Amino acid sequence: MKKFLTVFMAALLAIGLAACGSDSGGGEGKPEKLIIGFVPSQDSDTIADTVKPLADRLGEELDVEVEGRVMTDYTALIEAMGSNEVHVGFIPAFGYVMANEQYDVNVILKSIRFGSGTYKAQYVVRADSGIETLADLEGKVWAYADAASTSGFLFPAAQLMNEFDIETVQDLQSGFFKDTLQAGGHDTAAIAVYEGDADVATTFDDVRTGLEEEYPDIMEKTKIIGYTDDIPNDTISVTKELDEEFVQQIKDAFLSFNDDEEMIKIMNDVYNWDEISEASDEEYKVVKDTYEKFKDSISF
């Protein structure tokens, strides 16, 4: 199992290197082909086929060819946006903050789930584990989706560091937890707990509902022992190379999907979005503030 610090620092190094080599020249305006980047959250094997009708419809609305591209993880998506290989990204709050800081990526829209623009991260453990509180996680194995995941890593890490006076991420990883496992998705992190490969998984609330068909007893075999504070929902963000008029067209096209049952079903199938709403950078200040504290703790 990979140590978190190594994985996260490698991710940050990769982003920094991409920044040095990214295209920072004149604006592209309206590209010949608009690339939209997705990262697997659930049903990763079928996401490319699922989003194709959405990409096709968006292409009709914008009068440009649109391709949906599935990236390996959030770091890869951020790098691709930094080099303008991907123009529009479905990225969570933490990924957006990093992309904004590194590459001036701009948020234009956000998800609405169950009528809310915020959500919480949860701590999933096995029901028979004897783990009842966050304090009981000491010495255990932590599974998280992705090093750039807001609910999978950033907010749980910040909460644990604050609650238990842990000064650095390294102390959290090797002093508090026995080990960490980067699972690649929120669903696979929860499955790692279900199958006994990890003691706790941090995921969005509640990832288990999408796993009940394959794991009918997951609600009985696992339980939730805590939640983080509210987190701003994930974003649709765009690169700085796109001109304002075209960005407005992209925004209008996505917002029109709220009245299109087929498109909203796709958004729900892929990321559990019930609605698309306008968003601004100011809404993500709580994530930026948390990120700043986190950055200081690992001195990069």
Protein backbone atom coordinates (compact mmCIF):
# COMPACT_ATOMS: atom_id res chain seq x y z
CA MET A 1 0.00 0.00 0.00
CA LYS A 2 1.23 3.43 -0.90
CA LYS A 3 2.14 5.97 1.68
CA PHE A 4 -0.02 9.06 1.32
CA LEU A 5 2.77 11.60 1.63
CA THR A 6 4.74 10.08 -1.23
CA VAL A 7 1.70 9.93 -3.49
CA PHE A 8 0.52 13.44 -2.70
CA MET A 9 3.92 15.08 -3.05
CA ALA A 10 4.44 13.25 -6.35
CA ALA A 11 1.09 14.57 -7.54
CA LEU A 12 2.02 18.11 -6.59
CA LEU A 13 5.40 17.76 -8.30
CA ALA A 14 3.68 16.56 -11.44
CA ILE A 15 1.36 19.56 -11.38
CA GLY A 16 4.30 21.91 -10.89
CA LEU A 17 6.22 20.38 -13.78
CA ALA A 18 3.16 20.62 -15.99
CA ALA A 19 2.86 24.30 -15.10
CA CYS A 20 6.38 24.89 -16.40
CA GLY A 21 5.57 23.27 -19.70
CA SER A 22 2.00 24.41 -20.15
CA ASP A 23 0.80 26.62 -22.96
CA SER A 24 0.48 30.09 -21.49
CA GLY A 25 0.33 31.88 -24.82
CA GLY A 26 -2.55 33.73 -26.40
CA GLY A 27 -6.12 32.70 -25.80
CA GLU A 28 -7.55 29.90 -27.88
CA GLY A 29 -11.02 31.43 -28.00
CA LYS A 30 -13.22 28.68 -29.46
CA PRO A 31 -11.27 25.47 -30.16
CA GLU A 32 -11.95 23.28 -33.17
CA LYS A 33 -12.73 20.45 -30.76
CA LEU A 34 -13.88 21.06 -27.18
CA ILE A 35 -12.49 18.46 -24.77
CA ILE A 36 -14.39 17.81 -21.53
CA GLY A 37 -12.55 15.92 -18.80
CA PHE A 38 -14.14 13.47 -16.40
CA VAL A 39 -12.67 11.40 -13.57
CA PRO A 40 -14.20 8.07 -12.53
CA SER A 41 -16.20 8.26 -9.33
CA GLN A 42 -18.49 5.31 -9.81
CA ASP A 43 -19.03 2.97 -12.78
CA SER A 44 -15.62 3.94 -14.10
CA ASP A 45 -15.62 1.24 -16.79
CA THR A 46 -18.69 2.66 -18.50
CA ILE A 47 -18.37 6.40 -17.91
CA ALA A 48 -17.04 7.13 -21.43
CA ASP A 49 -20.10 5.53 -23.05
CA THR A 50 -22.43 7.16 -20.54
CA VAL A 51 -21.25 10.72 -21.23
CA LYS A 52 -21.14 10.43 -25.03
CA PRO A 53 -24.78 11.54 -25.55
CA LEU A 54 -24.11 14.53 -23.29
CA ALA A 55 -21.01 15.47 -25.29
CA ASP A 56 -22.94 15.09 -28.54
CA ARG A 57 -25.78 17.30 -27.30
CA LEU A 58 -23.36 19.91 -26.04
CA GLY A 59 -21.70 19.89 -29.46
CA GLU A 60 -25.04 20.59 -31.10
CA GLU A 61 -25.70 23.49 -28.74
CA LEU A 62 -22.23 25.01 -29.22
CA ASP A 63 -21.81 24.18 -32.91
CA VAL A 64 -18.43 22.58 -32.26
CA GLU A 65 -17.21 19.00 -31.95
CA VAL A 66 -17.17 17.91 -28.29
CA GLU A 67 -15.25 14.95 -26.90
CA GLY A 68 -15.68 13.52 -23.41
CA ARG A 69 -12.35 12.25 -22.12
CA VAL A 70 -12.03 10.06 -19.01
CA MET A 71 -8.84 10.79 -17.07
CA THR A 72 -7.08 8.43 -14.68
CA ASP A 73 -7.45 10.72 -11.66
CA TYR A 74 -7.95 14.34 -10.61
CA THR A 75 -4.24 15.14 -10.85
CA ALA A 76 -4.20 14.03 -14.48
CA LEU A 77 -7.27 16.17 -15.20
CA ILE A 78 -5.73 19.24 -13.55
CA GLU A 79 -2.51 18.77 -15.52
CA ALA A 80 -4.47 18.38 -18.76
CA MET A 81 -6.36 21.60 -18.07
CA GLY A 82 -3.09 23.34 -17.27
CA SER A 83 -1.68 22.38 -20.66
CA ASN A 84 -5.02 23.19 -22.36
CA GLU A 85 -5.42 19.60 -23.54
CA VAL A 86 -8.75 19.57 -21.70
CA HIS A 87 -10.87 22.72 -21.85
CA VAL A 88 -13.73 21.92 -19.47
CA GLY A 89 -13.32 19.83 -16.34
CA PHE A 90 -15.70 18.17 -13.92
CA ILE A 91 -13.55 18.61 -10.82
CA PRO A 92 -14.29 18.65 -7.09
CA ALA A 93 -13.75 21.65 -4.87
CA PHE A 94 -10.18 20.77 -3.82
CA GLY A 95 -9.17 19.97 -7.39
CA TYR A 96 -10.66 23.27 -8.51
CA VAL A 97 -8.71 25.21 -5.88
CA MET A 98 -5.45 23.62 -7.01
CA ALA A 99 -6.28 24.15 -10.68
CA ASN A 100 -7.21 27.77 -10.01
CA GLU A 101 -3.99 28.43 -8.12
CA GLN A 102 -1.73 26.68 -10.61
CA TYR A 103 -3.39 27.53 -13.92
CA ASP A 104 -6.08 30.20 -13.38
CA VAL A 105 -8.80 27.67 -14.15
CA ASN A 106 -12.20 29.27 -13.48
CA VAL A 107 -15.31 27.73 -11.96
CA ILE A 108 -18.53 28.47 -13.85
CA LEU A 109 -21.03 25.92 -12.57
CA LYS A 110 -21.61 23.54 -9.67
CA SER A 111 -23.71 20.52 -8.87
CA ILE A 112 -26.89 20.49 -6.84
CA ARG A 113 -27.76 17.30 -4.98
CA PHE A 114 -30.92 16.84 -2.94
CA GLY A 115 -31.56 20.55 -3.30
CA SER A 116 -28.22 21.56 -1.79
CA GLY A 117 -25.01 23.09 -3.10
CA THR A 118 -22.98 21.52 -0.28
CA TYR A 119 -22.35 18.03 1.05
CA LYS A 120 -20.29 16.26 3.73
CA ALA A 121 -17.57 13.65 3.77
CA GLN A 122 -18.17 10.53 5.84
CA TYR A 123 -16.02 7.97 7.65
CA VAL A 124 -16.99 4.40 6.69
CA VAL A 125 -15.89 1.43 8.83
CA ARG A 126 -16.97 -2.19 9.12
CA ALA A 127 -19.88 -2.66 11.49
CA ASP A 128 -18.01 -5.39 13.35
CA SER A 129 -14.72 -3.46 13.61
CA GLY A 130 -15.22 -2.11 17.11
CA ILE A 131 -14.44 1.38 15.78
CA GLU A 132 -16.92 3.83 17.24
CA THR A 133 -15.23 7.26 17.19
CA LEU A 134 -12.60 9.15 15.21
CA ALA A 135 -10.16 8.55 18.07
CA ASP A 136 -10.49 4.82 17.44
CA LEU A 137 -8.96 5.30 13.98
CA GLU A 138 -5.48 5.68 15.44
CA GLY A 139 -3.24 2.85 14.28
CA LYS A 140 -5.65 1.81 11.53
CA VAL A 141 -5.44 1.69 7.71
CA TRP A 142 -7.09 4.60 5.86
CA ALA A 143 -8.48 4.23 2.32
CA TYR A 144 -9.23 7.38 0.32
CA ALA A 145 -10.22 7.88 -3.28
CA ASP A 146 -7.68 10.31 -4.63
CA ALA A 147 -5.02 12.66 -3.29
CA ALA A 148 -6.83 15.62 -4.85
CA SER A 149 -10.29 14.67 -3.57
CA THR A 150 -12.03 17.16 -1.32
CA SER A 151 -14.19 14.69 0.59
CA GLY A 152 -11.87 11.73 0.06
CA PHE A 153 -8.86 13.45 1.57
CA LEU A 154 -8.67 17.21 2.21
CA PHE A 155 -11.53 17.77 4.64
CA PRO A 156 -11.10 14.52 6.60
CA ALA A 157 -7.34 15.14 6.91
CA ALA A 158 -7.91 18.70 8.10
CA GLN A 159 -10.54 17.55 10.59
CA LEU A 160 -8.33 14.82 12.06
CA MET A 161 -5.29 17.10 12.25
CA ASN A 162 -7.31 19.76 14.05
CA GLU A 163 -9.07 17.39 16.42
CA PHE A 164 -5.97 15.48 17.49
CA ASP A 165 -3.40 18.30 17.31
CA ILE A 166 -1.47 16.65 14.48
CA GLU A 167 0.98 19.12 12.99
CA THR A 168 1.88 17.60 9.63
CA VAL A 169 0.43 15.27 7.06
CA GLN A 170 3.41 12.99 7.58
CA ASP A 171 2.49 12.73 11.26
CA LEU A 172 -1.09 11.95 10.28
CA GLN A 173 0.00 9.26 7.84
CA SER A 174 2.75 7.55 9.77
CA GLY A 175 2.04 8.61 13.34
CA PHE A 176 -1.75 8.47 13.56
CA PHE A 177 -2.64 5.97 10.84
CA LYS A 178 -0.68 2.75 10.41
CA ASP A 179 -0.93 2.96 6.62
CA THR A 180 -2.91 4.50 3.76
CA LEU A 181 -4.42 3.14 0.57
CA GLN A 182 -5.20 5.28 -2.48
CA ALA A 183 -8.16 3.38 -3.88
CA GLY A 184 -8.80 5.39 -7.06
CA GLY A 185 -12.49 6.06 -6.42
CA HIS A 186 -14.92 6.70 -3.59
CA ASP A 187 -16.71 3.44 -4.34
CA THR A 188 -13.51 1.39 -4.36
CA ALA A 189 -12.41 3.00 -1.08
CA ALA A 190 -15.67 1.90 0.54
CA ILE A 191 -15.30 -1.57 -0.99
CA ALA A 192 -11.80 -1.81 0.52
CA VAL A 193 -13.39 -1.43 3.95
CA TYR A 194 -16.21 -3.84 3.11
CA GLU A 195 -13.67 -6.49 2.01
CA GLY A 196 -11.35 -5.90 4.97
CA ASP A 197 -8.45 -4.33 3.06
CA ALA A 198 -8.75 -1.08 5.01
CA ASP A 199 -10.20 -0.09 8.36
CA VAL A 200 -11.75 3.24 7.35
CA ALA A 201 -12.68 4.95 4.09
CA THR A 202 -13.41 8.63 3.67
CA THR A 203 -15.98 9.21 0.92
CA PHE A 204 -18.80 11.49 -0.10
CA ASP A 205 -22.13 10.94 1.68
CA ASP A 206 -23.40 8.30 0.99
CA VAL A 207 -21.37 6.40 -1.54
CA ARG A 208 -22.78 3.09 -0.33
CA THR A 209 -26.19 3.61 -1.91
CA GLY A 210 -24.63 3.17 -5.35
CA LEU A 211 -23.01 -0.09 -4.29
CA GLU A 212 -26.05 -1.91 -2.94
CA GLU A 213 -26.85 -3.68 -6.20
CA GLU A 214 -23.43 -5.34 -6.30
CA TYR A 215 -23.02 -5.56 -2.51
CA PRO A 216 -26.57 -6.01 -1.15
CA ASP A 217 -25.43 -6.24 2.46
CA ILE A 218 -23.05 -3.25 2.43
CA MET A 219 -25.34 -1.19 4.65
CA GLU A 220 -25.39 -3.95 7.25
CA LYS A 221 -21.69 -4.81 6.98
CA THR A 222 -20.49 -1.18 7.23
CA LYS A 223 -21.43 1.89 9.26
CA ILE A 224 -20.72 5.62 9.42
CA ILE A 225 -18.91 6.94 12.51
CA GLY A 226 -18.69 10.63 11.64
CA TYR A 227 -18.92 13.45 9.13
CA THR A 228 -16.92 16.53 8.20
CA ASP A 229 -18.19 20.09 7.98
CA ASP A 230 -20.08 21.16 4.86
CA ILE A 231 -18.12 21.10 1.59
CA PRO A 232 -19.04 23.07 -1.55
CA ASN A 233 -20.23 20.76 -4.30
CA ASP A 234 -18.08 19.77 -7.26
CA THR A 235 -17.64 22.06 -10.21
CA ILE A 236 -17.66 22.49 -13.94
CA SER A 237 -14.58 24.63 -14.54
CA VAL A 238 -12.91 26.01 -17.66
CA THR A 239 -9.41 26.90 -18.76
CA LYS A 240 -8.28 30.51 -19.07
CA GLU A 241 -7.64 30.09 -22.81
CA LEU A 242 -11.35 30.08 -23.68
CA ASP A 243 -12.76 33.52 -24.40
CA GLU A 244 -15.58 34.98 -22.31
CA GLU A 245 -18.24 34.78 -25.01
CA PHE A 246 -17.63 31.08 -25.61
CA VAL A 247 -17.50 30.37 -21.87
CA GLN A 248 -20.91 32.02 -21.52
CA GLN A 249 -22.21 29.78 -24.31
CA ILE A 250 -20.87 26.72 -22.48
CA LYS A 251 -22.52 27.88 -19.27
CA ASP A 252 -25.86 28.52 -20.98
CA ALA A 253 -25.75 25.14 -22.70
CA PHE A 254 -25.16 23.26 -19.46
CA LEU A 255 -27.84 25.25 -17.63
CA SER A 256 -30.31 24.37 -20.37
CA PHE A 257 -29.81 20.71 -19.47
CA ASN A 258 -31.82 21.35 -16.29
CA ASP A 259 -34.89 21.23 -18.51
CA ASP A 260 -33.71 18.13 -20.38
CA GLU A 261 -34.59 14.92 -18.56
CA GLU A 262 -32.17 12.81 -20.60
CA MET A 263 -29.18 15.07 -19.91
CA ILE A 264 -29.89 15.35 -16.18
CA LYS A 265 -30.19 11.56 -15.99
CA ILE A 266 -26.70 11.29 -17.50
CA MET A 267 -25.36 13.79 -14.97
CA ASN A 268 -27.02 11.79 -12.22
CA ASP A 269 -25.71 8.47 -13.51
CA VAL A 270 -22.14 9.77 -13.69
CA TYR A 271 -21.83 11.99 -10.59
CA ASN A 272 -25.23 11.94 -8.87
CA TRP A 273 -26.01 15.50 -9.99
CA ASP A 274 -29.70 16.42 -9.71
CA GLU A 275 -29.32 19.92 -11.10
CA ILE A 276 -26.71 22.34 -12.46
CA SER A 277 -26.32 25.78 -10.88
CA GLU A 278 -24.16 28.83 -11.51
CA ALA A 279 -21.11 29.12 -9.26
CA SER A 280 -18.45 31.65 -8.36
CA ASP A 281 -14.93 31.47 -7.00
CA GLU A 282 -16.01 33.09 -3.72
CA GLU A 283 -18.09 30.03 -2.83
CA TYR A 284 -14.91 27.96 -2.56
CA LYS A 285 -13.15 30.20 -0.02
CA VAL A 286 -13.63 27.63 2.76
CA VAL A 287 -11.79 25.08 0.64
CA LYS A 288 -9.03 27.58 -0.18
CA ASP A 289 -8.62 28.39 3.50
CA THR A 290 -8.40 24.70 4.39
CA TYR A 291 -5.93 24.14 1.57
CA GLU A 292 -3.72 26.98 2.79
CA LYS A 293 -3.50 25.43 6.24
CA PHE A 294 -2.76 22.09 4.67
CA LYS A 295 -0.03 23.49 2.43
CA ASP A 296 1.74 25.06 5.41
CA SER A 297 1.62 21.78 7.30
CA ILE A 298 3.68 19.95 4.69
CA SER A 299 5.93 22.87 3.71
CA PHE A 300 5.62 22.96 -0.04
